[in-house]
Amino acid sequence: MNSNKVITGTTDGRIVWIDWMRVAACFMVMVVHSVEPFYLGGEGSYILTPGDAFWSSLFDSLVRSCVPLFIIASSYLMFPLRGSAADFVCRRSVRVLIPFVVWTLIYALVWGEPLQNFRDLAFNFSYSAGHLWFVYMLVGVYMLMPILSPWAAKVSKRELQVYLAICFFTTLIPLLRDWLAHGELSVIYGTSGLPRQVLYPLWGECSWNSYGVFYYFSGFIGYLLLGLYFRRFVGDLSWAKTLGIALPCYLVGFAVTFGGFLRRVFESADGIFPVGGKVSEAVWWETTWTNDTVGVALMAVAWILLFRKIKASGAFYQRVLLPISKVSYGMYLMHLLLLVPINGYFRSWLGSGTEGVLGFWTTPLQIVLSAVISFICVAIVCLLLQRIPKLGKYIVGA
């Protein structure tokens, strides 16, 4: 089947809805990080009031599928590869790795202890810039693309559906582990002090083997295959069919993520707020928020269905949205440098919880203001950086 037959909404070689989705996903990331101060704090986890628990779960659940959307966009545009693996690696290195190195060094200098940060960079990103985990995952997916591309170029619709079904099943496994463990999972701590949940062993997993039968189908590979499926086999659906699929997917996915977080928070609180503890508690609260869970996956499907209906490529797209889309990777890399102080300013100005200037409504106002102002400021900075002669594209990845 000719994949170009199902690509809709193209303008000057660009797929318009992908640009809209990329910009929206970038904004969603900033919403996620504007929520974090309302459930992270103290020893690691801290929620001041039941209202903060509600608003944190509401806003974060609404946009939690933002990271999968980036992988779906990359898959839709590049998978399977059209050229050689060497060409792909060279192009992606310039686009992804050089800006990543630039901003990694900046974070190492401005946050935490620079000397220790530089030592740690040989083994991992700086935990003070936790969002940089995304790049490591993205590079891992890119490394697999050349291997999977020959298969992806020939796979049939039914065969791909079978593999997608297996990947979808793996999104139920984190919830199954939680249920079998009867609540909060055991947590171990590494030398960094960061927690890692001890997995309830399933289907071949044990203390000496983490690679169970579904290991290689889990994680972000499902989103890579999902982008391929939409490109190859999903045509231009009517609005009625789009909404008939997207709305149930989104509502079910949202119910899982929103309800799952709130249930765990109130179980921890046992009727008493503030509630908090070590960061391991927040890790448990976030069980239904993780990218490899069913709620996030369902909402990702809904979002891609809806964005594919966008064909607007007029003046706003050309002058505003397209330029922002081109620097969206740089925006992702640098945004915490501005979002953190902006968020802190609004919290100090408007107050917290029921003591805030608007009482129950203070928290949502802070989240919205932090996300919107941060997005605008970060976009302006990246657009200006892009204009630096010869160096701009290496800073923002445009």
Protein backbone atom coordinates (compact mmCIF):
# COMPACT_ATOMS: atom_id res chain seq x y z
CA MET A 1 0.00 0.00 0.00
CA ASN A 2 1.35 3.45 -0.90
CA SER A 3 1.69 5.29 2.41
CA ASN A 4 1.39 8.69 0.72
CA LYS A 5 -2.24 7.97 -0.13
CA VAL A 6 -3.33 8.41 3.48
CA ILE A 7 -1.24 11.50 4.35
CA THR A 8 -3.62 14.43 4.62
CA GLY A 9 -3.20 18.13 5.31
CA THR A 10 0.20 18.73 3.68
CA THR A 11 1.53 22.22 2.91
CA ASP A 12 4.89 22.88 1.23
CA GLY A 13 6.10 19.42 2.14
CA ARG A 14 5.00 19.69 5.78
CA ILE A 15 2.21 17.72 7.40
CA VAL A 16 0.14 20.50 8.96
CA TRP A 17 -1.52 18.52 11.72
CA ILE A 18 1.85 17.21 12.92
CA ASP A 19 2.98 20.80 13.51
CA TRP A 20 -0.21 21.54 15.44
CA MET A 21 0.24 18.38 17.50
CA ARG A 22 3.90 19.06 18.20
CA VAL A 23 3.19 22.58 19.49
CA ALA A 24 0.25 21.34 21.57
CA ALA A 25 2.37 18.53 23.06
CA CYS A 26 5.06 21.08 23.96
CA PHE A 27 2.47 23.16 25.81
CA MET A 28 1.12 20.02 27.51
CA VAL A 29 4.61 19.30 28.86
CA MET A 30 4.65 22.73 30.47
CA VAL A 31 1.26 22.07 32.05
CA VAL A 32 2.61 18.81 33.50
CA HIS A 33 5.59 20.61 35.01
CA SER A 34 3.41 23.46 36.29
CA VAL A 35 1.43 20.86 38.25
CA GLU A 36 4.42 19.18 39.89
CA PRO A 37 4.96 21.71 42.72
CA PHE A 38 1.45 20.93 43.97
CA TYR A 39 2.20 17.28 44.76
CA LEU A 40 6.00 17.20 45.01
CA GLY A 41 7.77 18.82 47.94
CA GLY A 42 8.94 18.22 51.49
CA GLU A 43 10.85 14.92 51.53
CA GLY A 44 9.70 14.25 48.00
CA SER A 45 5.91 14.13 48.00
CA TYR A 46 3.61 16.72 49.53
CA ILE A 47 -0.01 17.76 48.88
CA LEU A 48 -1.32 20.60 50.97
CA THR A 49 -5.10 20.20 50.61
CA PRO A 50 -7.70 17.88 49.03
CA GLY A 51 -8.28 20.68 46.52
CA ASP A 52 -4.65 20.56 45.43
CA ALA A 53 -4.97 16.78 45.01
CA PHE A 54 -8.02 17.28 42.80
CA TRP A 55 -6.49 20.01 40.64
CA SER A 56 -3.16 18.17 40.30
CA SER A 57 -4.92 15.05 39.10
CA LEU A 58 -7.28 16.96 36.79
CA PHE A 59 -4.70 19.05 34.94
CA ASP A 60 -2.01 16.39 34.77
CA SER A 61 -4.41 13.70 33.58
CA LEU A 62 -5.81 15.95 30.85
CA VAL A 63 -2.41 16.30 29.18
CA ARG A 64 -0.52 13.24 30.36
CA SER A 65 -0.14 11.72 26.89
CA CYS A 66 2.09 14.59 25.72
CA VAL A 67 5.33 12.58 25.54
CA PRO A 68 3.83 9.69 23.52
CA LEU A 69 2.62 12.28 21.00
CA PHE A 70 6.24 13.24 20.26
CA ILE A 71 7.11 9.61 19.53
CA ILE A 72 4.02 9.16 17.36
CA ALA A 73 4.96 12.30 15.40
CA SER A 74 8.53 11.04 14.86
CA SER A 75 7.25 7.67 13.73
CA TYR A 76 4.69 9.19 11.37
CA LEU A 77 7.34 11.36 9.73
CA MET A 78 10.36 9.04 9.62
CA PHE A 79 9.42 5.38 10.13
CA PRO A 80 10.27 3.28 8.22
CA LEU A 81 13.48 5.01 7.18
CA ARG A 82 13.63 6.22 3.57
CA GLY A 83 17.43 6.36 3.31
CA SER A 84 20.43 4.61 4.81
CA ALA A 85 20.93 4.15 8.54
CA ALA A 86 24.12 6.24 8.33
CA ASP A 87 22.27 9.21 6.82
CA PHE A 88 19.56 8.91 9.44
CA VAL A 89 22.07 8.84 12.30
CA CYS A 90 23.92 11.89 10.96
CA ARG A 91 20.75 13.95 10.52
CA ARG A 92 19.34 13.00 13.89
CA SER A 93 22.64 13.71 15.65
CA VAL A 94 22.63 17.30 14.42
CA ARG A 95 18.94 17.75 15.18
CA VAL A 96 18.81 15.99 18.56
CA LEU A 97 22.17 15.30 20.18
CA ILE A 98 23.99 18.61 19.72
CA PRO A 99 21.21 20.76 21.27
CA PHE A 100 20.87 18.15 24.01
CA VAL A 101 24.55 18.43 24.90
CA VAL A 102 24.34 22.23 24.90
CA TRP A 103 21.40 22.37 27.30
CA THR A 104 22.69 19.50 29.45
CA LEU A 105 25.85 21.50 30.11
CA ILE A 106 23.81 24.62 30.87
CA TYR A 107 21.69 22.77 33.44
CA ALA A 108 24.82 21.24 34.98
CA LEU A 109 26.24 24.73 35.45
CA VAL A 110 23.22 26.58 36.78
CA TRP A 111 21.47 23.96 38.97
CA GLY A 112 23.02 21.94 41.75
CA GLU A 113 26.74 21.39 42.27
CA PRO A 114 28.48 21.86 38.88
CA LEU A 115 31.51 19.67 39.60
CA GLN A 116 29.38 16.73 40.77
CA ASN A 117 26.98 17.30 37.91
CA PHE A 118 29.76 17.03 35.34
CA ARG A 119 31.01 13.82 36.97
CA ASP A 120 27.53 12.32 36.83
CA LEU A 121 26.95 13.24 33.18
CA ALA A 122 29.16 10.34 32.11
CA PHE A 123 26.48 7.98 33.40
CA ASN A 124 23.16 9.84 33.31
CA PHE A 125 21.44 13.20 33.04
CA SER A 126 21.37 15.62 35.96
CA TYR A 127 18.38 14.78 38.14
CA SER A 128 17.78 18.47 38.73
CA ALA A 129 16.77 18.58 35.05
CA GLY A 130 14.64 15.48 35.17
CA HIS A 131 12.87 16.15 31.88
CA LEU A 132 16.05 15.26 29.99
CA TRP A 133 15.24 11.56 30.46
CA PHE A 134 13.15 11.99 27.30
CA VAL A 135 16.19 12.40 25.06
CA TYR A 136 17.77 9.16 26.23
CA MET A 137 14.53 7.31 25.50
CA LEU A 138 14.22 9.04 22.11
CA VAL A 139 17.76 8.06 21.13
CA GLY A 140 16.98 4.46 22.10
CA VAL A 141 13.93 4.47 19.83
CA TYR A 142 15.98 6.00 17.01
CA MET A 143 18.58 3.23 17.42
CA LEU A 144 15.89 0.63 16.80
CA MET A 145 14.37 2.32 13.75
CA PRO A 146 16.99 1.07 11.23
CA ILE A 147 16.59 -2.49 12.54
CA LEU A 148 12.79 -2.46 12.35
CA SER A 149 12.45 -0.47 9.13
CA PRO A 150 12.73 -3.39 6.64
CA TRP A 151 9.91 -5.17 8.49
CA ALA A 152 7.87 -1.96 8.85
CA ALA A 153 8.06 -1.31 5.10
CA LYS A 154 6.40 -4.66 4.32
CA VAL A 155 4.18 -5.37 7.33
CA SER A 156 0.51 -6.02 6.58
CA LYS A 157 -2.32 -4.27 8.32
CA ARG A 158 -3.47 -7.41 10.14
CA GLU A 159 0.05 -8.30 11.27
CA LEU A 160 0.64 -4.81 12.60
CA GLN A 161 -2.69 -4.93 14.42
CA VAL A 162 -1.57 -8.11 16.19
CA TYR A 163 1.64 -6.48 17.41
CA LEU A 164 -0.25 -3.35 18.47
CA ALA A 165 -2.65 -5.54 20.46
CA ILE A 166 0.29 -7.11 22.29
CA CYS A 167 1.75 -3.66 23.01
CA PHE A 168 -1.65 -2.48 24.25
CA PHE A 169 -1.85 -5.46 26.60
CA THR A 170 1.47 -4.43 28.16
CA THR A 171 -0.11 -1.09 29.16
CA LEU A 172 -2.27 -3.06 31.60
CA ILE A 173 0.73 -4.69 33.29
CA PRO A 174 1.68 -1.76 35.62
CA LEU A 175 -1.87 -1.73 36.97
CA LEU A 176 -1.87 -5.51 37.26
CA ARG A 177 1.36 -5.37 39.27
CA ASP A 178 -0.15 -2.78 41.59
CA TRP A 179 -3.27 -4.91 42.10
CA LEU A 180 -1.34 -8.12 42.74
CA ALA A 181 0.92 -6.33 45.22
CA HIS A 182 -2.19 -5.21 47.15
CA GLY A 183 -1.33 -1.55 47.12
CA GLU A 184 1.87 0.41 47.49
CA LEU A 185 4.76 -1.49 45.98
CA SER A 186 8.08 -2.01 47.70
CA VAL A 187 10.72 0.55 46.84
CA ILE A 188 14.49 0.29 46.68
CA TYR A 189 16.93 3.21 46.59
CA GLY A 190 20.07 3.46 44.52
CA THR A 191 23.19 5.49 45.27
CA SER A 192 21.44 8.60 43.94
CA GLY A 193 18.71 8.29 46.55
CA LEU A 194 16.07 8.11 43.83
CA PRO A 195 13.47 5.38 44.27
CA ARG A 196 12.70 2.48 41.99
CA GLN A 197 9.68 0.29 42.52
CA VAL A 198 10.39 -3.41 42.95
CA LEU A 199 8.36 -5.06 40.22
CA TYR A 200 5.91 -7.80 41.06
CA PRO A 201 7.33 -10.66 38.91
CA LEU A 202 5.19 -11.76 35.97
CA TRP A 203 5.64 -14.24 33.12
CA GLY A 204 9.31 -15.12 33.40
CA GLU A 205 10.50 -12.27 35.58
CA CYS A 206 12.36 -13.10 38.77
CA SER A 207 15.19 -11.80 40.93
CA TRP A 208 17.78 -12.84 38.35
CA ASN A 209 15.82 -11.93 35.19
CA SER A 210 13.92 -8.73 34.40
CA TYR A 211 13.27 -9.68 30.79
CA GLY A 212 9.89 -11.39 30.86
CA VAL A 213 7.91 -12.46 27.83
CA PHE A 214 6.40 -9.00 27.23
CA TYR A 215 9.51 -6.94 28.03
CA TYR A 216 10.40 -6.25 24.40
CA PHE A 217 6.87 -5.13 23.54
CA SER A 218 6.55 -2.63 26.38
CA GLY A 219 7.54 1.01 26.72
CA PHE A 220 7.56 3.38 23.76
CA ILE A 221 7.85 0.80 20.98
CA GLY A 222 4.05 0.61 20.94
CA TYR A 223 3.86 4.33 20.13
CA LEU A 224 6.40 3.86 17.34
CA LEU A 225 4.16 1.18 15.84
CA LEU A 226 1.07 3.32 16.42
CA GLY A 227 2.52 6.15 14.33
CA LEU A 228 3.32 3.64 11.59
CA TYR A 229 -0.23 2.26 11.70
CA PHE A 230 -1.83 5.67 11.33
CA ARG A 231 0.45 6.57 8.44
CA ARG A 232 0.05 3.32 6.53
CA PHE A 233 -3.48 2.19 7.23
CA VAL A 234 -5.74 4.96 8.58
CA GLY A 235 -7.29 7.20 5.96
CA ASP A 236 -9.08 10.52 6.31
CA LEU A 237 -11.92 9.64 8.69
CA SER A 238 -15.13 11.64 8.89
CA TRP A 239 -15.77 13.81 11.93
CA ALA A 240 -18.51 11.42 13.06
CA LYS A 241 -16.17 8.41 12.97
CA THR A 242 -13.30 10.40 14.48
CA LEU A 243 -15.36 11.53 17.46
CA GLY A 244 -16.99 8.11 17.76
CA ILE A 245 -13.57 6.61 18.43
CA ALA A 246 -11.69 9.51 20.02
CA LEU A 247 -14.20 10.55 22.68
CA PRO A 248 -14.64 7.09 24.29
CA CYS A 249 -10.86 6.52 24.17
CA TYR A 250 -10.15 9.87 25.80
CA LEU A 251 -12.87 9.62 28.45
CA VAL A 252 -11.89 6.10 29.49
CA GLY A 253 -8.19 7.00 29.49
CA PHE A 254 -8.84 10.15 31.51
CA ALA A 255 -10.96 8.24 34.03
CA VAL A 256 -8.14 5.73 34.59
CA THR A 257 -5.43 8.38 35.07
CA PHE A 258 -7.51 10.88 37.05
CA GLY A 259 -9.20 8.33 39.28
CA GLY A 260 -6.04 6.29 39.80
CA PHE A 261 -4.01 9.23 41.10
CA LEU A 262 -6.78 10.53 43.37
CA ARG A 263 -7.50 7.10 44.83
CA ARG A 264 -3.88 6.59 45.81
CA VAL A 265 -3.52 10.09 47.27
CA PHE A 266 -6.61 9.75 49.44
CA GLU A 267 -5.55 6.26 50.48
CA SER A 268 -2.22 7.72 51.65
CA ALA A 269 -3.92 10.66 53.37
CA ASP A 270 -6.49 8.54 55.21
CA GLY A 271 -8.56 11.69 55.66
CA ILE A 272 -5.70 13.88 56.92
CA PHE A 273 -4.10 16.68 54.88
CA PRO A 274 -1.39 17.80 54.26
CA VAL A 275 -0.21 14.40 53.07
CA GLY A 276 3.30 13.54 52.01
CA GLY A 277 6.42 11.52 52.56
CA LYS A 278 9.36 10.30 50.57
CA VAL A 279 9.38 10.66 46.81
CA SER A 280 8.56 6.95 46.58
CA GLU A 281 5.02 7.85 47.65
CA ALA A 282 4.67 10.22 44.72
CA VAL A 283 6.01 7.48 42.44
CA TRP A 284 3.17 5.28 43.67
CA TRP A 285 0.59 8.05 43.24
CA GLU A 286 1.74 8.40 39.63
CA THR A 287 1.16 4.73 38.78
CA THR A 288 -1.64 5.48 36.30
CA TRP A 289 0.20 8.51 34.91
CA THR A 290 3.20 6.66 33.51
CA ASN A 291 3.60 6.61 29.74
CA ASP A 292 3.32 2.83 29.45
CA THR A 293 -0.12 2.58 31.07
CA VAL A 294 -3.49 2.06 29.46
CA GLY A 295 -5.04 5.44 30.28
CA VAL A 296 -2.19 7.40 28.72
CA ALA A 297 -2.18 5.14 25.65
CA LEU A 298 -5.93 5.56 25.08
CA MET A 299 -5.69 9.34 25.34
CA ALA A 300 -2.77 9.34 22.90
CA VAL A 301 -4.96 7.52 20.36
CA ALA A 302 -7.71 10.09 20.91
CA TRP A 303 -5.36 13.03 20.45
CA ILE A 304 -3.86 11.75 17.20
CA LEU A 305 -7.33 11.11 15.77
CA LEU A 306 -8.38 14.67 16.60
CA PHE A 307 -5.20 16.37 15.42
CA ARG A 308 -5.40 14.58 12.08
CA LYS A 309 -8.57 16.55 11.37
CA ILE A 310 -6.70 19.87 11.55
CA LYS A 311 -5.96 21.29 8.12
CA ALA A 312 -5.65 24.99 9.02
CA SER A 313 -2.56 26.33 7.26
CA GLY A 314 -3.36 30.02 6.92
CA ALA A 315 -1.66 33.11 8.29
CA PHE A 316 -1.65 32.00 11.95
CA TYR A 317 -0.10 28.66 11.02
CA GLN A 318 2.54 30.24 8.77
CA ARG A 319 3.52 33.14 11.03
CA VAL A 320 3.07 31.73 14.52
CA LEU A 321 2.51 28.01 14.82
CA LEU A 322 4.98 26.76 12.20
CA PRO A 323 7.94 28.78 13.56
CA ILE A 324 7.14 27.53 17.08
CA SER A 325 6.87 23.95 15.83
CA LYS A 326 10.33 24.22 14.29
CA VAL A 327 11.88 25.20 17.65
CA SER A 328 9.67 22.96 19.82
CA TYR A 329 12.53 20.57 20.61
CA GLY A 330 14.63 23.44 21.91
CA MET A 331 11.63 24.64 23.90
CA TYR A 332 11.36 21.24 25.53
CA LEU A 333 15.05 21.22 26.41
CA MET A 334 15.23 24.69 27.95
CA HIS A 335 11.75 25.29 29.38
CA LEU A 336 12.46 24.43 33.02
CA LEU A 337 14.99 27.25 33.25
CA LEU A 338 12.09 29.72 32.90
CA LEU A 339 9.13 27.66 34.13
CA VAL A 340 10.55 27.02 37.61
CA PRO A 341 11.06 30.69 38.56
CA ILE A 342 7.78 31.70 36.87
CA ASN A 343 5.90 29.04 38.80
CA GLY A 344 7.62 30.08 42.02
CA TYR A 345 6.69 33.72 41.42
CA PHE A 346 2.99 32.95 41.00
CA ARG A 347 2.97 30.75 44.12
CA SER A 348 4.57 33.48 46.22
CA TRP A 349 2.27 36.15 44.75
CA LEU A 350 -1.04 34.27 44.87
CA GLY A 351 -0.48 32.07 47.91
CA SER A 352 -1.09 28.35 48.36
CA GLY A 353 -4.10 26.12 48.88
CA THR A 354 -7.11 27.51 50.71
CA GLU A 355 -4.91 30.34 52.01
CA GLY A 356 -4.46 31.63 48.48
CA VAL A 357 -6.13 34.76 47.16
CA LEU A 358 -8.92 32.79 45.48
CA GLY A 359 -9.17 29.95 47.96
CA PHE A 360 -10.04 26.69 46.19
CA TRP A 361 -9.50 28.34 42.80
CA THR A 362 -5.99 29.61 43.51
CA THR A 363 -4.25 26.41 42.45
CA PRO A 364 -5.83 26.10 38.96
CA LEU A 365 -5.12 29.78 38.32
CA GLN A 366 -1.46 29.28 39.21
CA ILE A 367 -1.16 26.18 37.02
CA VAL A 368 -2.71 27.90 33.99
CA LEU A 369 -0.73 31.12 34.41
CA SER A 370 2.54 29.25 34.90
CA ALA A 371 2.02 27.08 31.83
CA VAL A 372 0.81 29.86 29.51
CA ILE A 373 3.39 32.49 30.51
CA SER A 374 6.20 29.92 30.46
CA PHE A 375 5.18 28.70 27.02
CA ILE A 376 5.11 32.23 25.58
CA CYS A 377 8.44 33.23 27.14
CA VAL A 378 10.21 30.01 26.16
CA ALA A 379 8.89 30.26 22.58
CA ILE A 380 10.17 33.85 22.27
CA VAL A 381 13.60 32.94 23.63
CA CYS A 382 13.96 29.93 21.32
CA LEU A 383 12.82 31.89 18.27
CA LEU A 384 15.46 34.50 19.07
CA LEU A 385 18.15 31.87 19.65
CA GLN A 386 17.28 30.30 16.32
CA ARG A 387 18.21 33.55 14.59
CA ILE A 388 21.83 33.40 15.77
CA PRO A 389 23.84 33.01 12.54
CA LYS A 390 25.29 29.52 11.98
CA LEU A 391 24.76 28.49 15.62
CA GLY A 392 21.02 28.86 16.15
CA LYS A 393 19.99 25.47 14.75
CA TYR A 394 22.55 23.72 16.97
CA ILE A 395 21.03 25.35 20.07
CA VAL A 396 17.33 24.76 19.46
CA GLY A 397 17.46 21.86 17.01
CA ALA A 398 15.50 23.67 14.30
